Amino acid sequence: LPYVPHLPPVALLGKVTATTFALERPCCIFDLHADASDTVWLAVAFANASATFRNPPSLADVPPYKQLPTTHSYMTLETAAAAYACPAPSPAVLRVGGDTACKDQGRQDPCNGPLPSPGPYRVKFLLMGCHGPKAETRWSDPILLRRALSPSTIDPVPTRRGSDVVVIASLLASLGTVLATAVLGALGAKVWGSLCQRDLGTSAFAHRSYRTHHIPPSLPQPPPPGCGCIPPGLGCSALQPPAPCHRN
């Protein structure tokens, strides 16, 4: 078949890891060749061993996962052909190497165990019937896994640099706090000085307003002599000539 297996084209978390990789599930590829009892397998091989891979003549001859270190290939992900029909009801992504319990299994049947090395690997889908292979896709392009670094090979310099950065950041933060405190202190002193000057001005004004000389109230002056009988509202100068006044 002309179909070529490939990684999902969309962004996917963990698309390729140190022991696994994701494949896009083929859809409508085997519809013209598959029967209800047929199954679809995934053949996995090291890239340099894919050319020598031979399809198993029967299900009993399927190479298991545990033989990968010696045969450099194995078959896994046995799935009913209906899962790849149109439209496919199953998830659109297959994960190769996702079964971490395979190493602990003593069974001879194939499983989907973690890949032991970065590879690269090539894969193809194979349609198997009761009497052997019926159809197959092309091999994929080489798929290289991520490499896990040993702790002894990790350079500790970035860690020290990170510590230096933390120390510098702490010093800068402390300096910023000191500067902020100084600025706030200066502003507070200025405001306090203004308030004190305002209070002093008010007190001086109040003090000056009350330091006045005591002026006793003026007493009524007695009328000048000879004006005791002048009617109210008329002064002595208004009478010409002045008339003598006698007090009884």
Protein backbone atom coordinates (compact mmCIF):
# COMPACT_ATOMS: atom_id res chain seq x y z
CA LEU A 1 0.00 0.00 0.00
CA PRO A 2 1.26 3.56 -0.70
CA TYR A 3 0.65 4.76 2.86
CA VAL A 4 3.78 5.83 4.80
CA PRO A 5 3.52 5.86 8.62
CA HIS A 6 4.55 9.15 10.20
CA LEU A 7 4.53 11.15 13.40
CA PRO A 8 1.49 13.34 14.08
CA PRO A 9 1.91 16.68 12.26
CA VAL A 10 0.34 18.66 15.11
CA ALA A 11 2.08 19.74 18.31
CA LEU A 12 1.80 16.93 20.85
CA LEU A 13 3.24 16.65 24.34
CA GLY A 14 5.67 13.72 24.44
CA LYS A 15 5.55 13.12 20.69
CA VAL A 16 9.07 11.72 20.92
CA THR A 17 10.68 10.72 24.22
CA ALA A 18 13.72 8.66 25.23
CA THR A 19 11.75 5.38 25.03
CA THR A 20 8.55 6.11 23.07
CA PHE A 21 7.17 7.92 20.07
CA ALA A 22 3.71 8.66 18.73
CA LEU A 23 2.31 7.63 15.35
CA GLU A 24 -0.66 8.93 13.47
CA ARG A 25 -3.28 6.17 13.22
CA PRO A 26 -3.95 5.22 9.57
CA CYS A 27 -7.56 5.51 8.53
CA CYS A 28 -9.33 3.89 5.56
CA ILE A 29 -6.12 2.16 4.47
CA PHE A 30 -7.13 -1.50 4.78
CA ASP A 31 -10.85 -1.27 3.97
CA LEU A 32 -10.51 -2.97 0.56
CA HIS A 33 -8.34 -5.79 1.91
CA ALA A 34 -9.51 -6.56 5.43
CA ASP A 35 -12.10 -9.06 6.65
CA ALA A 36 -13.87 -8.92 9.99
CA SER A 37 -11.47 -11.45 11.53
CA ASP A 38 -8.26 -9.78 10.33
CA THR A 39 -5.87 -7.86 12.56
CA VAL A 40 -3.42 -5.04 11.96
CA TRP A 41 0.08 -5.22 13.43
CA LEU A 42 2.87 -2.68 13.69
CA ALA A 43 6.32 -3.91 12.71
CA VAL A 44 9.16 -2.06 14.47
CA ALA A 45 12.77 -2.44 13.35
CA PHE A 46 16.06 -0.64 13.66
CA ALA A 47 16.51 1.56 10.61
CA ASN A 48 19.49 -0.44 9.37
CA ALA A 49 17.59 -3.73 9.79
CA SER A 50 14.32 -2.79 8.09
CA ALA A 51 15.56 -3.98 4.69
CA THR A 52 16.16 -7.50 6.01
CA PHE A 53 12.83 -7.79 7.84
CA ARG A 54 10.62 -10.63 6.61
CA ASN A 55 6.88 -10.76 7.20
CA PRO A 56 5.92 -13.72 9.41
CA PRO A 57 4.08 -16.44 7.48
CA SER A 58 1.56 -16.92 10.30
CA LEU A 59 0.52 -15.46 13.62
CA ALA A 60 2.61 -18.05 15.42
CA ASP A 61 5.74 -16.64 13.81
CA VAL A 62 5.24 -13.03 14.89
CA PRO A 63 8.55 -11.79 16.40
CA PRO A 64 8.03 -10.78 20.05
CA TYR A 65 9.28 -7.65 21.76
CA LYS A 66 11.86 -9.42 23.91
CA GLN A 67 13.78 -10.52 20.78
CA LEU A 68 14.48 -6.95 19.67
CA PRO A 69 18.10 -6.93 20.96
CA THR A 70 18.91 -10.07 18.91
CA THR A 71 16.64 -9.93 15.87
CA HIS A 72 16.60 -6.09 15.69
CA SER A 73 12.87 -6.10 14.98
CA TYR A 74 9.56 -7.10 16.53
CA MET A 75 5.81 -6.72 15.99
CA THR A 76 3.32 -5.14 18.38
CA LEU A 77 0.01 -3.26 18.75
CA GLU A 78 -2.20 -6.09 17.45
CA THR A 79 -5.54 -4.41 16.69
CA ALA A 80 -8.74 -5.51 14.97
CA ALA A 81 -8.90 -4.21 11.42
CA ALA A 82 -12.22 -2.54 12.17
CA ALA A 83 -10.37 0.00 14.34
CA TYR A 84 -8.75 1.37 11.18
CA ALA A 85 -11.92 1.48 9.10
CA CYS A 86 -13.69 4.63 7.85
CA PRO A 87 -14.50 6.46 9.96
CA ALA A 88 -12.08 5.25 12.63
CA PRO A 89 -13.75 5.24 16.08
CA SER A 90 -10.47 4.91 17.96
CA PRO A 91 -8.04 7.67 19.00
CA ALA A 92 -6.07 9.23 16.18
CA VAL A 93 -2.66 8.59 17.79
CA LEU A 94 -0.77 5.39 18.59
CA ARG A 95 2.10 5.37 21.10
CA VAL A 96 4.94 2.97 20.44
CA GLY A 97 6.81 1.78 23.55
CA GLY A 98 4.17 2.87 26.06
CA ASP A 99 3.77 -0.41 27.99
CA THR A 100 6.34 -0.28 30.80
CA ALA A 101 5.18 -3.65 32.21
CA CYS A 102 6.48 -5.64 29.25
CA LYS A 103 9.89 -6.26 30.83
CA ASP A 104 8.22 -7.86 33.84
CA GLN A 105 6.06 -10.20 31.80
CA GLY A 106 7.19 -13.77 31.29
CA ARG A 107 4.73 -14.42 28.48
CA GLN A 108 5.84 -15.12 24.95
CA ASP A 109 3.16 -13.01 23.29
CA PRO A 110 4.34 -9.67 21.87
CA CYS A 111 3.81 -6.47 23.80
CA ASN A 112 4.42 -2.74 23.36
CA GLY A 113 7.47 -2.31 25.57
CA PRO A 114 9.78 0.72 25.92
CA LEU A 115 12.39 1.07 23.21
CA PRO A 116 15.86 0.27 24.57
CA SER A 117 17.92 2.81 22.65
CA PRO A 118 17.51 6.04 20.64
CA GLY A 119 17.48 4.04 17.41
CA PRO A 120 16.71 5.30 14.82
CA TYR A 121 13.71 3.08 14.08
CA ARG A 122 11.42 2.43 11.16
CA VAL A 123 7.86 1.11 11.34
CA LYS A 124 5.20 -0.25 9.00
CA PHE A 125 1.62 -1.55 9.37
CA LEU A 126 0.91 -5.14 8.40
CA LEU A 127 -2.55 -6.64 7.81
CA MET A 128 -2.62 -10.25 8.98
CA GLY A 129 -5.31 -12.86 8.27
CA CYS A 130 -5.74 -16.44 9.34
CA HIS A 131 -3.35 -17.58 6.62
CA GLY A 132 -0.71 -14.91 6.97
CA PRO A 133 -0.02 -11.40 5.66
CA LYS A 134 -2.59 -9.82 3.34
CA ALA A 135 -1.41 -6.21 2.91
CA GLU A 136 1.28 -3.86 4.23
CA THR A 137 2.24 -0.20 4.13
CA ARG A 138 5.62 1.24 3.31
CA TRP A 139 8.31 1.72 5.91
CA SER A 140 8.40 5.06 7.65
CA ASP A 141 11.29 7.46 7.60
CA PRO A 142 13.88 6.91 10.37
CA ILE A 143 12.59 8.00 13.77
CA LEU A 144 15.27 9.03 16.26
CA LEU A 145 14.40 9.13 19.95
CA ARG A 146 15.67 11.61 22.49
CA ARG A 147 18.86 10.78 24.35
CA ALA A 148 18.81 10.66 28.14
CA LEU A 149 21.93 12.19 29.70
CA SER A 150 23.74 10.43 32.49
CA PRO A 151 23.92 12.42 35.75
CA SER A 152 27.72 12.17 35.63
CA THR A 153 27.80 14.00 32.28
CA ILE A 154 25.71 16.96 33.40
CA ASP A 155 27.79 20.13 33.73
CA PRO A 156 27.32 21.58 37.21
CA VAL A 157 28.38 25.05 36.02
CA PRO A 158 24.83 26.11 35.10
CA THR A 159 23.80 25.25 38.67
CA ARG A 160 26.50 27.50 40.10
CA ARG A 161 25.57 30.23 37.70
CA GLY A 162 22.00 29.84 38.79
CA SER A 163 23.09 30.29 42.41
CA ASP A 164 25.04 33.40 41.48
CA VAL A 165 22.01 34.79 39.73
CA VAL A 166 19.91 34.12 42.81
CA VAL A 167 22.46 35.89 45.03
CA ILE A 168 22.65 38.89 42.69
CA ALA A 169 18.87 39.08 42.52
CA SER A 170 18.69 39.00 46.33
CA LEU A 171 21.25 41.79 46.62
CA LEU A 172 19.41 43.91 44.07
CA ALA A 173 16.15 43.35 45.90
CA SER A 174 17.76 44.37 49.21
CA LEU A 175 19.27 47.47 47.59
CA GLY A 176 15.91 48.39 46.16
CA THR A 177 14.35 48.06 49.59
CA VAL A 178 17.01 50.31 51.15
CA LEU A 179 16.57 52.95 48.44
CA ALA A 180 12.81 52.85 48.80
CA THR A 181 13.12 53.26 52.57
CA ALA A 182 15.48 56.22 52.14
CA VAL A 183 13.18 57.94 49.66
CA LEU A 184 10.16 57.41 51.88
CA GLY A 185 12.13 58.71 54.88
CA ALA A 186 13.17 61.86 53.02
CA LEU A 187 9.62 62.51 51.88
CA GLY A 188 8.33 61.92 55.40
CA ALA A 189 10.85 64.35 56.89
CA LYS A 190 9.92 66.99 54.34
CA VAL A 191 6.22 66.60 55.04
CA TRP A 192 6.82 66.65 58.78
CA GLY A 193 8.87 69.83 58.47
CA SER A 194 6.12 71.53 56.51
CA LEU A 195 3.54 70.54 59.11
CA CYS A 196 5.74 71.82 61.95
CA GLN A 197 6.26 75.18 60.22
CA ARG A 198 2.53 75.50 59.68
CA ASP A 199 1.84 74.73 63.35
CA LEU A 200 4.46 77.23 64.53
CA GLY A 201 3.00 79.99 62.35
CA THR A 202 -0.45 79.39 63.72
CA SER A 203 0.76 79.42 67.33
CA ALA A 204 2.71 82.65 66.83
CA PHE A 205 -0.26 84.33 65.28
CA ALA A 206 -2.49 83.20 68.13
CA HIS A 207 0.09 84.33 70.64
CA ARG A 208 0.47 87.75 69.02
CA SER A 209 -3.29 88.21 68.83
CA TYR A 210 -3.63 87.89 72.59
CA ARG A 211 -0.64 90.00 73.65
CA THR A 212 -2.47 93.32 73.67
CA HIS A 213 -2.29 96.10 76.28
CA HIS A 214 -5.14 96.13 78.77
CA ILE A 215 -7.25 99.20 78.25
CA PRO A 216 -9.75 99.76 81.07
CA PRO A 217 -13.26 100.68 80.05
CA SER A 218 -13.87 104.45 79.90
CA LEU A 219 -15.91 105.88 82.75
CA PRO A 220 -18.69 108.40 82.10
CA GLN A 221 -17.43 111.96 82.46
CA PRO A 222 -19.44 114.36 84.59
CA PRO A 223 -20.96 117.25 82.75
CA PRO A 224 -19.09 120.50 82.94
CA PRO A 225 -20.17 122.93 85.53
CA GLY A 226 -23.17 125.03 84.64
CA CYS A 227 -24.68 122.43 82.28
CA GLY A 228 -26.86 120.55 84.66
CA CYS A 229 -30.11 122.03 83.44
CA ILE A 230 -29.45 121.90 79.71
CA PRO A 231 -32.06 119.84 78.00
CA PRO A 232 -30.87 116.59 76.43
CA GLY A 233 -29.30 117.01 73.03
CA LEU A 234 -28.15 120.61 73.58
CA GLY A 235 -24.63 121.52 74.51
CA CYS A 236 -23.52 124.38 76.56
CA SER A 237 -22.26 126.18 73.50
CA ALA A 238 -25.76 126.24 72.04
CA LEU A 239 -27.07 128.63 74.71
CA GLN A 240 -26.25 132.27 74.25
CA PRO A 241 -25.76 133.68 76.70
CA PRO A 242 -25.46 131.02 79.29
CA ALA A 243 -28.20 131.16 81.80
CA PRO A 244 -27.35 130.56 85.37
CA CYS A 245 -28.52 127.31 86.79
CA HIS A 246 -29.40 126.77 90.40
CA ARG A 247 -29.63 123.41 92.07
CA ASN A 248 -32.26 123.09 94.78
